[in-house]
Amino acid sequence: AGGTSGLIHGTAKEAQPSPVQRNFVDRCLREKGYEPIGWK
């Protein structure tokens, strides 16, 4: 869980994460049981 929160925090600092990074984070969240619906 700590690694996931660190990854999310790291991507939040960037204005626009790359599509590859978005897909990676979305996939990881889905594997953990989350349902990401979008990015701010």
PDB file of N, CA and C in Angstrom:
ATOM      1  N   ALA A   1       0.841  -1.204   0.000  1.00  0.00           N
ATOM      2  CA  ALA A   1       0.000   0.000   0.000  1.00  0.00           C
ATOM      3  C   ALA A   1       0.871   1.246   0.000  1.00  0.00           C
ATOM      4  N   GLY A   2       1.984   1.197   0.712  1.00  0.00           N
ATOM      5  CA  GLY A   2       2.865   2.363   0.754  1.00  0.00           C
ATOM      6  C   GLY A   2       3.442   2.701  -0.602  1.00  0.00           C
ATOM      7  N   GLY A   3       3.781   1.678  -1.378  1.00  0.00           N
ATOM      8  CA  GLY A   3       4.320   1.916  -2.714  1.00  0.00           C
ATOM      9  C   GLY A   3       3.290   2.534  -3.636  1.00  0.00           C
ATOM     10  N   THR A   4       2.052   2.106  -3.497  1.00  0.00           N
ATOM     11  CA  THR A   4       0.987   2.651  -4.342  1.00  0.00           C
ATOM     12  C   THR A   4       0.746   4.109  -4.014  1.00  0.00           C
ATOM     13  N   SER A   5       0.683   4.451  -2.730  1.00  0.00           N
ATOM     14  CA  SER A   5       0.435   5.847  -2.368  1.00  0.00           C
ATOM     15  C   SER A   5       1.603   6.719  -2.794  1.00  0.00           C
ATOM     16  N   GLY A   6       2.814   6.198  -2.739  1.00  0.00           N
ATOM     17  CA  GLY A   6       3.969   6.959  -3.200  1.00  0.00           C
ATOM     18  C   GLY A   6       3.913   7.198  -4.692  1.00  0.00           C
ATOM     19  N   LEU A   7       3.464   6.197  -5.429  1.00  0.00           N
ATOM     20  CA  LEU A   7       3.352   6.330  -6.880  1.00  0.00           C
ATOM     21  C   LEU A   7       2.296   7.363  -7.241  1.00  0.00           C
ATOM     22  N   ILE A   8       1.165   7.320  -6.556  1.00  0.00           N
ATOM     23  CA  ILE A   8       0.091   8.287  -6.827  1.00  0.00           C
ATOM     24  C   ILE A   8       0.560   9.689  -6.466  1.00  0.00           C
ATOM     25  N   HIS A   9       1.241   9.818  -5.338  1.00  0.00           N
ATOM     26  CA  HIS A   9       1.749  11.133  -4.935  1.00  0.00           C
ATOM     27  C   HIS A   9       2.751  11.654  -5.955  1.00  0.00           C
ATOM     28  N   GLY A  10       3.583  10.770  -6.452  1.00  0.00           N
ATOM     29  CA  GLY A  10       4.576  11.178  -7.443  1.00  0.00           C
ATOM     30  C   GLY A  10       3.939  11.651  -8.730  1.00  0.00           C
ATOM     31  N   THR A  11       2.866  10.996  -9.166  1.00  0.00           N
ATOM     32  CA  THR A  11       2.211  11.410 -10.403  1.00  0.00           C
ATOM     33  C   THR A  11       1.404  12.677 -10.200  1.00  0.00           C
ATOM     34  N   ALA A  12       0.966  12.942  -8.983  1.00  0.00           N
ATOM     35  CA  ALA A  12       0.156  14.136  -8.728  1.00  0.00           C
ATOM     36  C   ALA A  12       0.981  15.407  -8.906  1.00  0.00           C
ATOM     37  N   LYS A  13       2.298  15.305  -8.725  1.00  0.00           N
ATOM     38  CA  LYS A  13       3.152  16.492  -8.862  1.00  0.00           C
ATOM     39  C   LYS A  13       3.311  16.909 -10.320  1.00  0.00           C
ATOM     40  N   GLU A  14       3.138  15.979 -11.243  1.00  0.00           N
ATOM     41  CA  GLU A  14       3.310  16.290 -12.658  1.00  0.00           C
ATOM     42  C   GLU A  14       2.013  16.866 -13.218  1.00  0.00           C
ATOM     43  N   ALA A  15       2.142  17.811 -14.132  1.00  0.00           N
ATOM     44  CA  ALA A  15       0.958  18.430 -14.731  1.00  0.00           C
ATOM     45  C   ALA A  15       0.173  17.407 -15.550  1.00  0.00           C
ATOM     46  N   GLN A  16       0.852  16.677 -16.427  1.00  0.00           N
ATOM     47  CA  GLN A  16       0.201  15.689 -17.285  1.00  0.00           C
ATOM     48  C   GLN A  16       1.041  14.415 -17.310  1.00  0.00           C
ATOM     49  N   PRO A  17       0.632  13.391 -16.564  1.00  0.00           N
ATOM     50  CA  PRO A  17       1.373  12.128 -16.654  1.00  0.00           C
ATOM     51  C   PRO A  17       1.259  11.551 -18.067  1.00  0.00           C
ATOM     52  N   SER A  18       2.268  10.851 -18.494  1.00  0.00           N
ATOM     53  CA  SER A  18       2.242  10.265 -19.836  1.00  0.00           C
ATOM     54  C   SER A  18       1.144   9.197 -19.908  1.00  0.00           C
ATOM     55  N   PRO A  19       0.632   8.939 -21.105  1.00  0.00           N
ATOM     56  CA  PRO A  19      -0.391   7.889 -21.248  1.00  0.00           C
ATOM     57  C   PRO A  19       0.081   6.532 -20.731  1.00  0.00           C
ATOM     58  N   VAL A  20       1.346   6.228 -20.924  1.00  0.00           N
ATOM     59  CA  VAL A  20       1.884   4.955 -20.434  1.00  0.00           C
ATOM     60  C   VAL A  20       1.811   4.908 -18.913  1.00  0.00           C
ATOM     61  N   GLN A  21       2.199   6.001 -18.275  1.00  0.00           N
ATOM     62  CA  GLN A  21       2.165   6.051 -16.814  1.00  0.00           C
ATOM     63  C   GLN A  21       0.726   5.969 -16.307  1.00  0.00           C
ATOM     64  N   ARG A  22      -0.184   6.652 -16.963  1.00  0.00           N
ATOM     65  CA  ARG A  22      -1.601   6.589 -16.574  1.00  0.00           C
ATOM     66  C   ARG A  22      -2.118   5.161 -16.651  1.00  0.00           C
ATOM     67  N   ASN A  23      -1.826   4.496 -17.761  1.00  0.00           N
ATOM     68  CA  ASN A  23      -2.291   3.117 -17.933  1.00  0.00           C
ATOM     69  C   ASN A  23      -1.711   2.201 -16.871  1.00  0.00           C
ATOM     70  N   PHE A  24      -0.440   2.398 -16.544  1.00  0.00           N
ATOM     71  CA  PHE A  24       0.211   1.578 -15.527  1.00  0.00           C
ATOM     72  C   PHE A  24      -0.456   1.762 -14.167  1.00  0.00           C
ATOM     73  N   VAL A  25      -0.674   3.024 -13.788  1.00  0.00           N
ATOM     74  CA  VAL A  25      -1.292   3.312 -12.489  1.00  0.00           C
ATOM     75  C   VAL A  25      -2.729   2.793 -12.465  1.00  0.00           C
ATOM     76  N   ASP A  26      -3.477   3.030 -13.544  1.00  0.00           N
ATOM     77  CA  ASP A  26      -4.855   2.531 -13.607  1.00  0.00           C
ATOM     78  C   ASP A  26      -4.895   1.017 -13.441  1.00  0.00           C
ATOM     79  N   ARG A  27      -3.994   0.323 -14.139  1.00  0.00           N
ATOM     80  CA  ARG A  27      -3.970  -1.140 -14.063  1.00  0.00           C
ATOM     81  C   ARG A  27      -3.641  -1.600 -12.645  1.00  0.00           C
ATOM     82  N   CYS A  28      -2.666  -0.958 -12.025  1.00  0.00           N
ATOM     83  CA  CYS A  28      -2.292  -1.329 -10.657  1.00  0.00           C
ATOM     84  C   CYS A  28      -3.459  -1.111  -9.700  1.00  0.00           C
ATOM     85  N   LEU A  29      -4.151   0.020  -9.852  1.00  0.00           N
ATOM     86  CA  LEU A  29      -5.290   0.298  -8.982  1.00  0.00           C
ATOM     87  C   LEU A  29      -6.394  -0.739  -9.181  1.00  0.00           C
ATOM     88  N   ARG A  30      -6.653  -1.106 -10.423  1.00  0.00           N
ATOM     89  CA  ARG A  30      -7.692  -2.108 -10.699  1.00  0.00           C
ATOM     90  C   ARG A  30      -7.321  -3.456 -10.080  1.00  0.00           C
ATOM     91  N   GLU A  31      -6.039  -3.814 -10.133  1.00  0.00           N
ATOM     92  CA  GLU A  31      -5.589  -5.070  -9.531  1.00  0.00           C
ATOM     93  C   GLU A  31      -5.782  -5.059  -8.022  1.00  0.00           C
ATOM     94  N   LYS A  32      -5.735  -3.874  -7.412  1.00  0.00           N
ATOM     95  CA  LYS A  32      -5.924  -3.741  -5.967  1.00  0.00           C
ATOM     96  C   LYS A  32      -7.400  -3.651  -5.594  1.00  0.00           C
ATOM     97  N   GLY A  33      -8.277  -3.620  -6.604  1.00  0.00           N
ATOM     98  CA  GLY A  33      -9.707  -3.579  -6.324  1.00  0.00           C
ATOM     99  C   GLY A  33     -10.332  -2.202  -6.463  1.00  0.00           C
ATOM    100  N   TYR A  34      -9.548  -1.209  -6.886  1.00  0.00           N
ATOM    101  CA  TYR A  34     -10.088   0.131  -7.090  1.00  0.00           C
ATOM    102  C   TYR A  34     -10.635   0.257  -8.508  1.00  0.00           C
ATOM    103  N   GLU A  35     -11.491   1.254  -8.713  1.00  0.00           N
ATOM    104  CA  GLU A  35     -12.034   1.526 -10.041  1.00  0.00           C
ATOM    105  C   GLU A  35     -11.769   2.983 -10.391  1.00  0.00           C
ATOM    106  N   PRO A  36     -10.576   3.290 -10.912  1.00  0.00           N
ATOM    107  CA  PRO A  36     -10.268   4.682 -11.267  1.00  0.00           C
ATOM    108  C   PRO A  36     -11.206   5.167 -12.374  1.00  0.00           C
ATOM    109  N   ILE A  37     -11.721   6.396 -12.223  1.00  0.00           N
ATOM    110  CA  ILE A  37     -12.677   6.917 -13.204  1.00  0.00           C
ATOM    111  C   ILE A  37     -12.136   8.112 -13.965  1.00  0.00           C
ATOM    112  N   GLY A  38     -10.973   8.617 -13.590  1.00  0.00           N
ATOM    113  CA  GLY A  38     -10.421   9.745 -14.329  1.00  0.00           C
ATOM    114  C   GLY A  38      -9.242  10.363 -13.611  1.00  0.00           C
ATOM    115  N   TRP A  39      -8.627  11.321 -14.262  1.00  0.00           N
ATOM    116  CA  TRP A  39      -7.458  12.012 -13.734  1.00  0.00           C
ATOM    117  C   TRP A  39      -7.760  13.496 -13.665  1.00  0.00           C
ATOM    118  N   LYS A  40      -7.257  14.133 -12.624  1.00  0.00           N
ATOM    119  CA  LYS A  40      -7.428  15.588 -12.514  1.00  0.00           C
ATOM    120  C   LYS A  40      -6.261  16.283 -13.140  1.00  0.00           C
TER     121      LYS A  40
END
